[in-house]
N, C-alpha and C. Protein backbone atom coordinates (compact mmCIF):
# COMPACT_ATOMS: atom_id res chain seq x y z
N UNK A 1 74.43 -5.88 -8.72
CA UNK A 1 74.91 -6.82 -7.74
C UNK A 1 74.99 -6.15 -6.37
N UNK A 2 75.50 -4.93 -6.32
CA UNK A 2 75.58 -4.20 -5.06
C UNK A 2 74.19 -3.96 -4.49
N UNK A 3 73.25 -3.61 -5.34
CA UNK A 3 71.91 -3.33 -4.87
C UNK A 3 71.25 -4.59 -4.31
N UNK A 4 71.50 -5.73 -4.92
CA UNK A 4 70.92 -6.97 -4.43
C UNK A 4 71.50 -7.31 -3.06
N UNK A 5 72.79 -7.09 -2.89
CA UNK A 5 73.43 -7.40 -1.60
C UNK A 5 72.94 -6.48 -0.50
N UNK A 6 72.77 -5.20 -0.80
CA UNK A 6 72.40 -4.23 0.22
C UNK A 6 70.90 -4.12 0.44
N UNK A 7 70.10 -4.64 -0.47
CA UNK A 7 68.66 -4.48 -0.33
C UNK A 7 68.13 -5.37 0.79
N UNK A 8 67.00 -4.99 1.31
CA UNK A 8 66.36 -5.77 2.37
C UNK A 8 64.95 -6.11 1.92
N UNK A 9 64.46 -7.22 2.41
CA UNK A 9 63.08 -7.58 2.10
C UNK A 9 62.35 -7.86 3.40
N UNK A 10 61.08 -7.64 3.38
CA UNK A 10 60.28 -7.88 4.57
C UNK A 10 59.71 -9.28 4.49
N UNK A 11 59.89 -10.05 5.56
CA UNK A 11 59.40 -11.42 5.59
C UNK A 11 57.94 -11.43 6.01
N UNK A 12 57.35 -12.60 5.97
CA UNK A 12 55.93 -12.74 6.29
C UNK A 12 55.61 -12.30 7.73
N UNK A 13 56.56 -12.45 8.63
CA UNK A 13 56.30 -12.06 10.01
C UNK A 13 56.63 -10.60 10.29
N UNK A 14 56.91 -9.82 9.24
CA UNK A 14 57.15 -8.40 9.38
C UNK A 14 58.59 -8.02 9.69
N UNK A 15 59.47 -9.00 9.80
CA UNK A 15 60.87 -8.73 10.11
C UNK A 15 61.64 -8.44 8.81
N UNK A 16 62.65 -7.60 8.91
CA UNK A 16 63.51 -7.35 7.76
C UNK A 16 64.65 -8.36 7.75
N UNK A 17 64.95 -8.89 6.60
CA UNK A 17 66.09 -9.79 6.48
C UNK A 17 66.93 -9.35 5.29
N UNK A 18 68.23 -9.41 5.46
CA UNK A 18 69.14 -8.98 4.40
C UNK A 18 69.27 -10.10 3.38
N UNK A 19 69.13 -9.76 2.12
CA UNK A 19 69.34 -10.75 1.07
C UNK A 19 70.82 -11.02 0.94
N UNK A 20 71.14 -12.18 0.46
CA UNK A 20 72.53 -12.53 0.23
C UNK A 20 72.72 -12.97 -1.21
N UNK A 21 73.89 -12.67 -1.71
CA UNK A 21 74.23 -13.11 -3.05
C UNK A 21 74.54 -14.59 -3.06
N UNK A 22 74.31 -15.22 -4.16
CA UNK A 22 74.73 -16.60 -4.32
C UNK A 22 76.05 -16.56 -5.06
N UNK A 23 77.10 -16.99 -4.40
CA UNK A 23 78.45 -16.98 -4.96
C UNK A 23 78.70 -18.30 -5.65
N UNK A 24 79.28 -18.24 -6.83
CA UNK A 24 79.49 -19.46 -7.61
C UNK A 24 80.68 -20.28 -7.18
N UNK A 25 81.45 -19.81 -6.22
CA UNK A 25 82.63 -20.54 -5.76
C UNK A 25 82.30 -21.51 -4.66
N UNK A 26 83.32 -21.83 -3.88
CA UNK A 26 83.14 -22.82 -2.82
C UNK A 26 82.90 -22.14 -1.48
N UNK A 27 81.68 -22.11 -1.08
CA UNK A 27 81.30 -21.65 0.25
C UNK A 27 80.70 -22.87 0.91
N UNK A 28 81.51 -23.54 1.72
CA UNK A 28 81.09 -24.86 2.22
C UNK A 28 80.55 -24.84 3.64
N UNK A 29 80.80 -23.77 4.40
CA UNK A 29 80.31 -23.74 5.77
C UNK A 29 80.07 -22.30 6.21
N UNK A 30 79.66 -22.13 7.46
CA UNK A 30 79.35 -20.79 7.98
C UNK A 30 80.59 -19.90 8.03
N UNK A 31 81.76 -20.49 8.24
CA UNK A 31 82.98 -19.68 8.28
C UNK A 31 83.30 -19.11 6.90
N UNK A 32 83.13 -19.92 5.85
CA UNK A 32 83.32 -19.42 4.48
C UNK A 32 82.33 -18.31 4.18
N UNK A 33 81.10 -18.52 4.59
CA UNK A 33 80.05 -17.52 4.36
C UNK A 33 80.37 -16.23 5.08
N UNK A 34 80.83 -16.33 6.32
CA UNK A 34 81.18 -15.14 7.10
C UNK A 34 82.36 -14.41 6.47
N UNK A 35 83.34 -15.15 5.98
CA UNK A 35 84.50 -14.54 5.32
C UNK A 35 84.06 -13.81 4.04
N UNK A 36 83.22 -14.46 3.25
CA UNK A 36 82.74 -13.85 2.01
C UNK A 36 81.93 -12.59 2.29
N UNK A 37 81.09 -12.63 3.31
CA UNK A 37 80.30 -11.44 3.66
C UNK A 37 81.20 -10.30 4.12
N UNK A 38 82.27 -10.62 4.83
CA UNK A 38 83.21 -9.59 5.28
C UNK A 38 83.90 -8.94 4.09
N UNK A 39 84.32 -9.74 3.13
CA UNK A 39 84.96 -9.20 1.93
C UNK A 39 83.98 -8.34 1.15
N UNK A 40 82.76 -8.81 0.99
CA UNK A 40 81.76 -8.02 0.27
C UNK A 40 81.49 -6.70 0.98
N UNK A 41 81.41 -6.73 2.31
CA UNK A 41 81.15 -5.52 3.08
C UNK A 41 82.28 -4.51 2.91
N UNK A 42 83.51 -4.98 2.72
CA UNK A 42 84.65 -4.08 2.58
C UNK A 42 84.77 -3.53 1.16
N UNK A 43 84.56 -4.37 0.16
CA UNK A 43 84.84 -3.97 -1.22
C UNK A 43 83.63 -3.50 -2.01
N UNK A 44 82.44 -4.01 -1.73
CA UNK A 44 81.25 -3.60 -2.46
C UNK A 44 80.54 -2.49 -1.71
N UNK A 45 81.09 -1.30 -1.83
CA UNK A 45 80.53 -0.12 -1.17
C UNK A 45 80.28 0.94 -2.23
N UNK A 46 79.36 1.85 -2.01
CA UNK A 46 79.04 2.87 -3.03
C UNK A 46 80.24 3.74 -3.40
N UNK A 47 81.19 3.92 -2.49
CA UNK A 47 82.34 4.79 -2.75
C UNK A 47 83.22 4.29 -3.90
N UNK A 48 83.16 3.00 -4.23
CA UNK A 48 84.03 2.50 -5.30
C UNK A 48 83.65 3.10 -6.65
N UNK A 49 82.46 3.67 -6.75
CA UNK A 49 82.03 4.27 -8.00
C UNK A 49 82.42 5.74 -8.11
N UNK A 50 83.02 6.30 -7.07
CA UNK A 50 83.45 7.70 -7.13
C UNK A 50 84.81 7.79 -7.83
N UNK A 51 85.11 8.97 -8.34
CA UNK A 51 86.39 9.18 -9.04
C UNK A 51 87.55 9.07 -8.06
N UNK A 52 88.63 8.49 -8.53
CA UNK A 52 89.88 8.38 -7.78
C UNK A 52 89.76 7.58 -6.48
N UNK A 53 88.86 6.62 -6.43
CA UNK A 53 88.75 5.78 -5.24
C UNK A 53 89.92 4.80 -5.22
N UNK A 54 90.48 4.58 -4.05
CA UNK A 54 91.58 3.64 -3.89
C UNK A 54 91.32 2.73 -2.71
N UNK A 55 91.74 1.48 -2.82
CA UNK A 55 91.58 0.53 -1.73
C UNK A 55 92.72 0.64 -0.71
N UNK A 56 93.80 1.34 -1.08
CA UNK A 56 94.94 1.51 -0.19
C UNK A 56 95.30 2.98 -0.08
N UNK A 57 95.93 3.38 1.03
CA UNK A 57 96.29 4.78 1.20
C UNK A 57 97.26 5.32 0.15
N UNK A 58 98.13 4.45 -0.37
CA UNK A 58 99.12 4.93 -1.35
C UNK A 58 98.61 4.88 -2.79
N UNK A 59 97.35 4.55 -2.99
CA UNK A 59 96.69 4.51 -4.30
C UNK A 59 97.27 3.47 -5.26
N UNK A 60 97.96 2.47 -4.74
CA UNK A 60 98.48 1.43 -5.63
C UNK A 60 97.38 0.49 -6.12
N UNK A 61 96.27 0.43 -5.38
CA UNK A 61 95.10 -0.34 -5.81
C UNK A 61 93.93 0.61 -5.96
N UNK A 62 93.93 1.35 -7.04
CA UNK A 62 92.89 2.34 -7.29
C UNK A 62 91.97 1.86 -8.40
N UNK A 63 90.76 2.36 -8.39
CA UNK A 63 89.80 2.07 -9.45
C UNK A 63 90.23 2.87 -10.68
N UNK A 64 90.50 2.21 -11.80
CA UNK A 64 90.95 2.94 -13.00
C UNK A 64 89.82 3.75 -13.63
N UNK A 65 90.16 4.87 -14.17
CA UNK A 65 89.19 5.71 -14.87
C UNK A 65 89.50 5.70 -16.36
N UNK A 66 88.48 5.58 -17.17
CA UNK A 66 88.60 5.74 -18.61
C UNK A 66 89.36 4.64 -19.34
N UNK A 67 89.44 3.46 -18.78
CA UNK A 67 90.11 2.36 -19.47
C UNK A 67 89.05 1.54 -20.18
N UNK A 68 89.22 1.41 -21.49
CA UNK A 68 88.19 0.70 -22.24
C UNK A 68 88.73 -0.38 -23.15
N UNK A 69 90.05 -0.42 -23.36
CA UNK A 69 90.58 -1.44 -24.27
C UNK A 69 91.44 -2.44 -23.51
N UNK A 70 91.63 -3.60 -24.10
CA UNK A 70 92.33 -4.70 -23.46
C UNK A 70 93.78 -4.36 -23.14
N UNK A 71 94.47 -3.69 -24.04
CA UNK A 71 95.89 -3.36 -23.81
C UNK A 71 96.07 -2.46 -22.59
N UNK A 72 95.17 -1.52 -22.39
CA UNK A 72 95.25 -0.65 -21.22
C UNK A 72 95.02 -1.42 -19.93
N UNK A 73 94.07 -2.34 -19.96
CA UNK A 73 93.79 -3.17 -18.78
C UNK A 73 95.00 -4.05 -18.48
N UNK A 74 95.58 -4.64 -19.52
CA UNK A 74 96.75 -5.50 -19.34
C UNK A 74 97.92 -4.70 -18.74
N UNK A 75 98.13 -3.50 -19.23
CA UNK A 75 99.20 -2.66 -18.72
C UNK A 75 98.95 -2.31 -17.24
N UNK A 76 97.72 -2.00 -16.92
CA UNK A 76 97.36 -1.69 -15.54
C UNK A 76 97.64 -2.87 -14.61
N UNK A 77 97.27 -4.06 -15.04
CA UNK A 77 97.49 -5.26 -14.23
C UNK A 77 98.99 -5.52 -14.04
N UNK A 78 99.77 -5.32 -15.09
CA UNK A 78 101.21 -5.54 -15.00
C UNK A 78 101.90 -4.53 -14.08
N UNK A 79 101.29 -3.36 -13.87
CA UNK A 79 101.87 -2.34 -13.01
C UNK A 79 101.50 -2.54 -11.54
N UNK A 80 100.62 -3.49 -11.25
CA UNK A 80 100.27 -3.75 -9.85
C UNK A 80 101.48 -4.30 -9.10
N UNK A 81 101.56 -4.07 -7.80
CA UNK A 81 102.69 -4.60 -7.02
C UNK A 81 102.74 -6.12 -7.08
N UNK A 82 103.95 -6.66 -7.04
CA UNK A 82 104.13 -8.11 -7.09
C UNK A 82 103.59 -8.75 -5.82
N UNK A 83 103.81 -8.11 -4.70
CA UNK A 83 103.35 -8.62 -3.42
C UNK A 83 102.21 -7.74 -2.91
N UNK A 84 101.09 -8.36 -2.58
CA UNK A 84 99.94 -7.61 -2.07
C UNK A 84 100.21 -7.07 -0.68
N UNK A 85 99.85 -5.83 -0.46
CA UNK A 85 100.00 -5.21 0.85
C UNK A 85 98.88 -5.70 1.77
N UNK A 86 99.17 -5.94 3.04
CA UNK A 86 98.12 -6.40 3.96
C UNK A 86 96.97 -5.41 4.09
N UNK A 87 97.24 -4.12 3.90
CA UNK A 87 96.19 -3.11 4.03
C UNK A 87 95.07 -3.32 3.02
N UNK A 88 95.38 -3.93 1.88
CA UNK A 88 94.36 -4.19 0.87
C UNK A 88 93.28 -5.10 1.45
N UNK A 89 93.68 -6.01 2.32
CA UNK A 89 92.75 -6.98 2.89
C UNK A 89 92.27 -6.57 4.28
N UNK A 90 92.56 -5.33 4.67
CA UNK A 90 92.10 -4.82 5.95
C UNK A 90 92.94 -5.28 7.13
N UNK A 91 94.14 -5.78 6.87
CA UNK A 91 95.00 -6.24 7.95
C UNK A 91 96.04 -5.18 8.29
N UNK A 92 96.62 -5.29 9.46
CA UNK A 92 97.67 -4.39 9.90
C UNK A 92 98.93 -4.67 9.08
N UNK A 93 99.77 -3.64 8.91
CA UNK A 93 100.97 -3.80 8.09
C UNK A 93 101.93 -4.84 8.68
N UNK A 94 101.85 -5.12 9.99
CA UNK A 94 102.71 -6.14 10.60
C UNK A 94 102.32 -7.55 10.19
N UNK A 95 101.16 -7.73 9.58
CA UNK A 95 100.73 -9.06 9.16
C UNK A 95 101.70 -9.64 8.14
N UNK A 96 102.23 -8.80 7.27
CA UNK A 96 103.18 -9.28 6.27
C UNK A 96 104.48 -9.72 6.94
N UNK A 97 104.92 -8.98 7.93
CA UNK A 97 106.14 -9.34 8.66
C UNK A 97 105.95 -10.67 9.38
N UNK A 98 104.81 -10.84 10.02
CA UNK A 98 104.53 -12.10 10.72
C UNK A 98 104.49 -13.27 9.74
N UNK A 99 103.89 -13.07 8.58
CA UNK A 99 103.83 -14.12 7.56
C UNK A 99 105.23 -14.48 7.07
N UNK A 100 106.03 -13.46 6.77
CA UNK A 100 107.39 -13.72 6.28
C UNK A 100 108.24 -14.41 7.34
N UNK A 101 108.07 -14.05 8.60
CA UNK A 101 108.80 -14.70 9.68
C UNK A 101 108.42 -16.17 9.77
N UNK A 102 107.12 -16.46 9.68
CA UNK A 102 106.65 -17.85 9.73
C UNK A 102 107.18 -18.67 8.55
N UNK A 103 107.20 -18.07 7.36
CA UNK A 103 107.71 -18.78 6.20
C UNK A 103 109.22 -19.04 6.32
N UNK A 104 109.96 -18.08 6.86
CA UNK A 104 111.40 -18.26 7.06
C UNK A 104 111.67 -19.38 8.07
N UNK A 105 110.89 -19.41 9.14
CA UNK A 105 111.04 -20.48 10.13
C UNK A 105 110.75 -21.84 9.52
N UNK A 106 109.73 -21.94 8.69
CA UNK A 106 109.41 -23.21 8.03
C UNK A 106 110.53 -23.63 7.09
N UNK A 107 111.11 -22.66 6.37
CA UNK A 107 112.21 -22.97 5.45
C UNK A 107 113.41 -23.52 6.21
N UNK A 108 113.78 -22.86 7.31
CA UNK A 108 114.92 -23.32 8.11
C UNK A 108 114.64 -24.70 8.68
N UNK A 109 113.42 -24.93 9.17
CA UNK A 109 113.07 -26.26 9.70
C UNK A 109 113.13 -27.33 8.62
N UNK A 110 112.66 -27.02 7.42
CA UNK A 110 112.71 -27.99 6.32
C UNK A 110 114.15 -28.30 5.90
N UNK A 111 114.99 -27.28 5.88
CA UNK A 111 116.41 -27.51 5.56
C UNK A 111 117.05 -28.38 6.62
N UNK A 112 116.75 -28.09 7.89
CA UNK A 112 117.30 -28.87 8.98
C UNK A 112 116.84 -30.32 8.90
N UNK A 113 115.57 -30.55 8.56
CA UNK A 113 115.06 -31.92 8.44
C UNK A 113 115.68 -32.67 7.27
N UNK A 114 116.09 -31.95 6.24
CA UNK A 114 116.66 -32.59 5.05
C UNK A 114 118.13 -32.97 5.24
N UNK A 115 118.79 -32.43 6.26
CA UNK A 115 120.19 -32.76 6.49
C UNK A 115 120.31 -34.21 6.94
N UNK A 116 121.41 -34.87 6.53
CA UNK A 116 121.59 -36.25 6.98
C UNK A 116 121.83 -36.29 8.48
N UNK A 117 121.30 -37.30 9.09
CA UNK A 117 121.46 -37.46 10.53
C UNK A 117 122.67 -38.34 10.80
N UNK A 118 123.35 -38.04 11.85
CA UNK A 118 124.49 -38.85 12.24
C UNK A 118 123.98 -40.05 13.02
N UNK A 119 124.31 -41.21 12.54
CA UNK A 119 123.89 -42.43 13.21
C UNK A 119 125.06 -42.93 14.04
N UNK A 120 124.78 -43.30 15.24
CA UNK A 120 125.85 -43.85 16.08
C UNK A 120 125.36 -45.10 16.78
N UNK A 121 126.24 -46.07 16.80
CA UNK A 121 126.00 -47.34 17.48
C UNK A 121 124.74 -48.04 16.99
N UNK A 122 124.64 -48.15 15.69
CA UNK A 122 123.52 -48.89 15.11
C UNK A 122 123.96 -50.33 14.93
N UNK A 123 123.28 -51.22 15.54
CA UNK A 123 123.58 -52.65 15.50
C UNK A 123 125.03 -52.94 15.90
N UNK A 124 125.51 -52.20 16.87
CA UNK A 124 126.84 -52.46 17.39
C UNK A 124 127.95 -51.77 16.64
N UNK A 125 127.64 -51.08 15.57
CA UNK A 125 128.67 -50.40 14.79
C UNK A 125 128.64 -48.90 15.11
N UNK A 126 129.78 -48.30 15.13
CA UNK A 126 129.89 -46.86 15.31
C UNK A 126 130.21 -46.22 13.97
N UNK A 127 129.52 -45.16 13.65
CA UNK A 127 129.76 -44.48 12.37
C UNK A 127 130.40 -43.15 12.60
């Protein structure tokens, strides 16, 4: 799969064009395609086949070595962090803080919207 993505072919007019993988998921427009190509460029690199390769500096997302049975894979998955670090996706560590701030603001706004409103002078009555 990596070789197909990285290989190039020469077209009839002599120009080189990069082949692309056909992804079985939903790639509906150029933005989806660009996002998928960015992810492939980050994760499908020859270095992932080297020993002790990790996607994060703290090695929490490392390529496992010598795992061949289901129980070992299951244990490895269960040991992964509950919350993904932004660095795994190539984002700055402040991205998580910004996301959490936005979610907290939405929660407070939703709570505020759910509170009963004080009605005054509706149809001549004061409440």
